Amino acid sequence: MGAMAARSLEIEPAGIRTARSVEILRTERGLAQRALAARVTALGRPMSNTMLSRIERAQRRCDIDDLVALAQALRVPSLVLLQGPSAM
């Protein structure tokens, strides 16, 4: 199995901040999860509303490519998702 099997799936503080930021910004823009997931997919990063829901609930890691695509779809700099909406 090796070290990879022992890797924690716990989401760290930056991941939790990103998850909250995505949900807050999506809600502020009046977008359903399905609509935001469709925007991300249209940008070339396939994402289902289930994947987005899991990212928002910090049950799925948001990798750097997800983060960039989500930021583009929400029309904010990627850094805003990392630092939180108050960074705007």
N, C-alpha and C. Protein backbone atom coordinates (compact mmCIF):
# COMPACT_ATOMS: atom_id res chain seq x y z
N MET A 1 0.82 -1.20 0.00
CA MET A 1 0.00 0.00 0.00
C MET A 1 0.86 1.26 0.00
N GLY A 2 1.84 1.36 0.89
CA GLY A 2 2.75 2.50 0.87
C GLY A 2 2.18 3.76 1.50
N ALA A 3 2.91 4.83 1.37
CA ALA A 3 2.56 6.10 2.01
C ALA A 3 1.28 6.71 1.44
N MET A 4 1.02 6.50 0.17
CA MET A 4 -0.16 7.10 -0.44
C MET A 4 -1.45 6.64 0.25
N ALA A 5 -1.50 5.40 0.66
CA ALA A 5 -2.70 4.87 1.30
C ALA A 5 -2.94 5.53 2.66
N ALA A 6 -1.88 5.99 3.29
CA ALA A 6 -2.00 6.58 4.62
C ALA A 6 -2.34 8.07 4.56
N ARG A 7 -2.34 8.63 3.37
CA ARG A 7 -2.59 10.07 3.21
C ARG A 7 -3.97 10.45 3.75
N SER A 8 -3.99 11.46 4.58
CA SER A 8 -5.24 11.92 5.18
C SER A 8 -6.10 12.61 4.13
N LEU A 9 -7.39 12.36 4.19
CA LEU A 9 -8.32 13.05 3.30
C LEU A 9 -8.90 14.29 3.98
N GLU A 10 -8.42 14.57 5.18
CA GLU A 10 -8.91 15.74 5.90
C GLU A 10 -8.56 17.00 5.11
N ILE A 11 -9.54 17.89 4.99
CA ILE A 11 -9.33 19.13 4.27
C ILE A 11 -8.70 20.14 5.23
N GLU A 12 -7.61 20.74 4.80
CA GLU A 12 -6.86 21.70 5.61
C GLU A 12 -7.52 23.08 5.56
N PRO A 13 -7.05 24.03 6.40
CA PRO A 13 -7.68 25.35 6.48
C PRO A 13 -7.83 26.09 5.14
N ALA A 14 -6.82 26.06 4.28
CA ALA A 14 -6.94 26.75 2.99
C ALA A 14 -8.04 26.11 2.14
N GLY A 15 -8.16 24.80 2.23
CA GLY A 15 -9.21 24.10 1.49
C GLY A 15 -10.59 24.43 2.01
N ILE A 16 -10.71 24.55 3.32
CA ILE A 16 -11.99 24.91 3.93
C ILE A 16 -12.37 26.34 3.54
N ARG A 17 -11.40 27.25 3.58
CA ARG A 17 -11.64 28.64 3.17
C ARG A 17 -12.10 28.69 1.72
N THR A 18 -11.44 27.92 0.86
CA THR A 18 -11.81 27.88 -0.55
C THR A 18 -13.22 27.35 -0.73
N ALA A 19 -13.56 26.28 -0.02
CA ALA A 19 -14.90 25.70 -0.10
C ALA A 19 -15.96 26.73 0.27
N ARG A 20 -15.74 27.43 1.38
CA ARG A 20 -16.70 28.45 1.82
C ARG A 20 -16.79 29.59 0.81
N SER A 21 -15.65 29.99 0.28
CA SER A 21 -15.61 31.09 -0.70
C SER A 21 -16.43 30.74 -1.93
N VAL A 22 -16.26 29.53 -2.44
CA VAL A 22 -17.00 29.11 -3.63
C VAL A 22 -18.49 29.18 -3.35
N GLU A 23 -18.93 28.63 -2.21
CA GLU A 23 -20.36 28.63 -1.89
C GLU A 23 -20.90 30.05 -1.73
N ILE A 24 -20.17 30.89 -1.00
CA ILE A 24 -20.62 32.27 -0.77
C ILE A 24 -20.74 33.03 -2.09
N LEU A 25 -19.69 32.96 -2.90
CA LEU A 25 -19.70 33.70 -4.17
C LEU A 25 -20.75 33.16 -5.12
N ARG A 26 -20.92 31.85 -5.16
CA ARG A 26 -21.96 31.25 -6.03
C ARG A 26 -23.34 31.75 -5.61
N THR A 27 -23.58 31.75 -4.30
CA THR A 27 -24.89 32.18 -3.76
C THR A 27 -25.12 33.66 -4.04
N GLU A 28 -24.09 34.48 -3.82
CA GLU A 28 -24.20 35.92 -4.08
C GLU A 28 -24.55 36.20 -5.53
N ARG A 29 -24.10 35.34 -6.43
CA ARG A 29 -24.37 35.53 -7.86
C ARG A 29 -25.68 34.89 -8.30
N GLY A 30 -26.38 34.29 -7.36
CA GLY A 30 -27.67 33.68 -7.67
C GLY A 30 -27.57 32.45 -8.55
N LEU A 31 -26.43 31.75 -8.46
CA LEU A 31 -26.22 30.56 -9.29
C LEU A 31 -26.53 29.30 -8.50
N ALA A 32 -27.26 28.39 -9.12
CA ALA A 32 -27.43 27.05 -8.56
C ALA A 32 -26.12 26.29 -8.76
N GLN A 33 -25.90 25.26 -7.97
CA GLN A 33 -24.70 24.44 -8.13
C GLN A 33 -24.62 23.90 -9.56
N ARG A 34 -25.75 23.48 -10.09
CA ARG A 34 -25.78 22.92 -11.45
C ARG A 34 -25.31 23.97 -12.48
N ALA A 35 -25.71 25.22 -12.28
CA ALA A 35 -25.34 26.30 -13.21
C ALA A 35 -23.84 26.58 -13.13
N LEU A 36 -23.30 26.64 -11.92
CA LEU A 36 -21.86 26.90 -11.79
C LEU A 36 -21.05 25.73 -12.34
N ALA A 37 -21.49 24.52 -12.05
CA ALA A 37 -20.79 23.33 -12.58
C ALA A 37 -20.81 23.35 -14.11
N ALA A 38 -21.92 23.78 -14.70
CA ALA A 38 -22.01 23.87 -16.16
C ALA A 38 -21.04 24.93 -16.70
N ARG A 39 -20.91 26.05 -15.99
CA ARG A 39 -19.96 27.10 -16.41
C ARG A 39 -18.53 26.56 -16.38
N VAL A 40 -18.19 25.85 -15.31
CA VAL A 40 -16.84 25.29 -15.17
C VAL A 40 -16.59 24.28 -16.30
N THR A 41 -17.57 23.44 -16.57
CA THR A 41 -17.46 22.45 -17.64
C THR A 41 -17.27 23.14 -18.99
N ALA A 42 -18.01 24.23 -19.22
CA ALA A 42 -17.90 24.97 -20.48
C ALA A 42 -16.52 25.59 -20.65
N LEU A 43 -15.83 25.83 -19.54
CA LEU A 43 -14.47 26.37 -19.58
C LEU A 43 -13.43 25.27 -19.83
N GLY A 44 -13.89 24.03 -19.97
CA GLY A 44 -12.99 22.94 -20.30
C GLY A 44 -12.56 22.08 -19.12
N ARG A 45 -13.16 22.32 -17.96
CA ARG A 45 -12.84 21.51 -16.77
C ARG A 45 -14.12 20.78 -16.36
N PRO A 46 -14.34 19.56 -16.85
CA PRO A 46 -15.59 18.86 -16.55
C PRO A 46 -15.87 18.78 -15.05
N MET A 47 -17.07 19.23 -14.65
CA MET A 47 -17.46 19.20 -13.24
C MET A 47 -18.96 18.97 -13.15
N SER A 48 -19.34 17.98 -12.37
CA SER A 48 -20.77 17.73 -12.15
C SER A 48 -21.22 18.55 -10.95
N ASN A 49 -22.54 18.71 -10.80
CA ASN A 49 -23.02 19.44 -9.62
C ASN A 49 -22.72 18.65 -8.35
N THR A 50 -22.62 17.33 -8.44
CA THR A 50 -22.25 16.51 -7.28
C THR A 50 -20.81 16.81 -6.86
N MET A 51 -19.90 16.91 -7.82
CA MET A 51 -18.52 17.26 -7.51
C MET A 51 -18.45 18.63 -6.84
N LEU A 52 -19.18 19.60 -7.40
CA LEU A 52 -19.19 20.95 -6.84
C LEU A 52 -19.74 20.94 -5.42
N SER A 53 -20.81 20.20 -5.21
CA SER A 53 -21.41 20.09 -3.88
C SER A 53 -20.40 19.54 -2.87
N ARG A 54 -19.67 18.52 -3.29
CA ARG A 54 -18.66 17.92 -2.39
C ARG A 54 -17.50 18.89 -2.13
N ILE A 55 -17.12 19.68 -3.13
CA ILE A 55 -16.08 20.70 -2.92
C ILE A 55 -16.58 21.73 -1.92
N GLU A 56 -17.82 22.22 -2.11
CA GLU A 56 -18.38 23.25 -1.22
C GLU A 56 -18.51 22.76 0.22
N ARG A 57 -18.78 21.48 0.41
CA ARG A 57 -18.93 20.92 1.76
C ARG A 57 -17.60 20.42 2.32
N ALA A 58 -16.51 20.71 1.60
CA ALA A 58 -15.17 20.27 2.00
C ALA A 58 -15.12 18.76 2.19
N GLN A 59 -15.82 18.04 1.31
CA GLN A 59 -15.78 16.58 1.31
C GLN A 59 -14.95 16.07 0.13
N ARG A 60 -14.51 17.00 -0.70
CA ARG A 60 -13.67 16.66 -1.85
C ARG A 60 -12.62 17.75 -1.97
N ARG A 61 -11.38 17.34 -2.19
CA ARG A 61 -10.31 18.32 -2.37
C ARG A 61 -10.53 19.11 -3.65
N CYS A 62 -10.28 20.39 -3.59
CA CYS A 62 -10.35 21.27 -4.76
C CYS A 62 -8.92 21.41 -5.27
N ASP A 63 -8.59 20.74 -6.36
CA ASP A 63 -7.21 20.84 -6.84
C ASP A 63 -7.01 22.17 -7.57
N ILE A 64 -5.78 22.46 -7.93
CA ILE A 64 -5.46 23.78 -8.49
C ILE A 64 -6.20 24.05 -9.79
N ASP A 65 -6.41 23.02 -10.61
CA ASP A 65 -7.13 23.21 -11.87
C ASP A 65 -8.61 23.51 -11.61
N ASP A 66 -9.18 22.83 -10.60
CA ASP A 66 -10.57 23.13 -10.21
C ASP A 66 -10.65 24.58 -9.74
N LEU A 67 -9.69 24.98 -8.91
CA LEU A 67 -9.69 26.32 -8.33
C LEU A 67 -9.65 27.39 -9.42
N VAL A 68 -8.76 27.23 -10.39
CA VAL A 68 -8.64 28.21 -11.48
C VAL A 68 -9.94 28.27 -12.28
N ALA A 69 -10.50 27.12 -12.62
CA ALA A 69 -11.74 27.10 -13.41
C ALA A 69 -12.91 27.68 -12.62
N LEU A 70 -13.00 27.36 -11.33
CA LEU A 70 -14.08 27.92 -10.50
C LEU A 70 -13.95 29.44 -10.41
N ALA A 71 -12.74 29.93 -10.23
CA ALA A 71 -12.52 31.38 -10.17
C ALA A 71 -12.94 32.04 -11.48
N GLN A 72 -12.56 31.44 -12.61
CA GLN A 72 -12.96 32.00 -13.91
C GLN A 72 -14.47 32.01 -14.04
N ALA A 73 -15.11 30.91 -13.64
CA ALA A 73 -16.57 30.80 -13.76
C ALA A 73 -17.28 31.80 -12.85
N LEU A 74 -16.67 32.10 -11.71
CA LEU A 74 -17.25 33.07 -10.77
C LEU A 74 -16.79 34.49 -11.06
N ARG A 75 -15.89 34.63 -12.03
CA ARG A 75 -15.35 35.93 -12.45
C ARG A 75 -14.65 36.67 -11.31
N VAL A 76 -13.79 35.93 -10.60
CA VAL A 76 -12.97 36.52 -9.55
C VAL A 76 -11.54 36.00 -9.73
N PRO A 77 -10.54 36.73 -9.20
CA PRO A 77 -9.17 36.18 -9.22
C PRO A 77 -9.10 34.92 -8.36
N SER A 78 -8.28 33.98 -8.75
CA SER A 78 -8.13 32.73 -8.00
C SER A 78 -7.80 32.99 -6.54
N LEU A 79 -7.00 34.01 -6.29
CA LEU A 79 -6.60 34.34 -4.93
C LEU A 79 -7.79 34.62 -4.02
N VAL A 80 -8.86 35.16 -4.57
CA VAL A 80 -10.07 35.44 -3.77
C VAL A 80 -10.63 34.14 -3.19
N LEU A 81 -10.59 33.06 -3.97
CA LEU A 81 -11.09 31.78 -3.46
C LEU A 81 -10.20 31.25 -2.35
N LEU A 82 -8.91 31.50 -2.43
CA LEU A 82 -7.98 31.03 -1.40
C LEU A 82 -8.07 31.86 -0.12
N GLN A 83 -8.24 33.17 -0.28
CA GLN A 83 -8.20 34.06 0.87
C GLN A 83 -9.59 34.32 1.47
N GLY A 84 -10.63 34.08 0.70
CA GLY A 84 -11.99 34.35 1.15
C GLY A 84 -12.55 35.60 0.49
N PRO A 85 -13.87 35.70 0.38
CA PRO A 85 -14.52 36.81 -0.31
C PRO A 85 -14.15 38.18 0.27
N SER A 86 -13.77 38.25 1.54
CA SER A 86 -13.41 39.53 2.14
C SER A 86 -12.14 40.10 1.51
N ALA A 87 -11.42 39.28 0.73
CA ALA A 87 -10.19 39.74 0.07
C ALA A 87 -10.50 40.59 -1.16
N MET A 88 -11.75 40.62 -1.57
CA MET A 88 -12.11 41.39 -2.78
C MET A 88 -12.08 42.88 -2.52
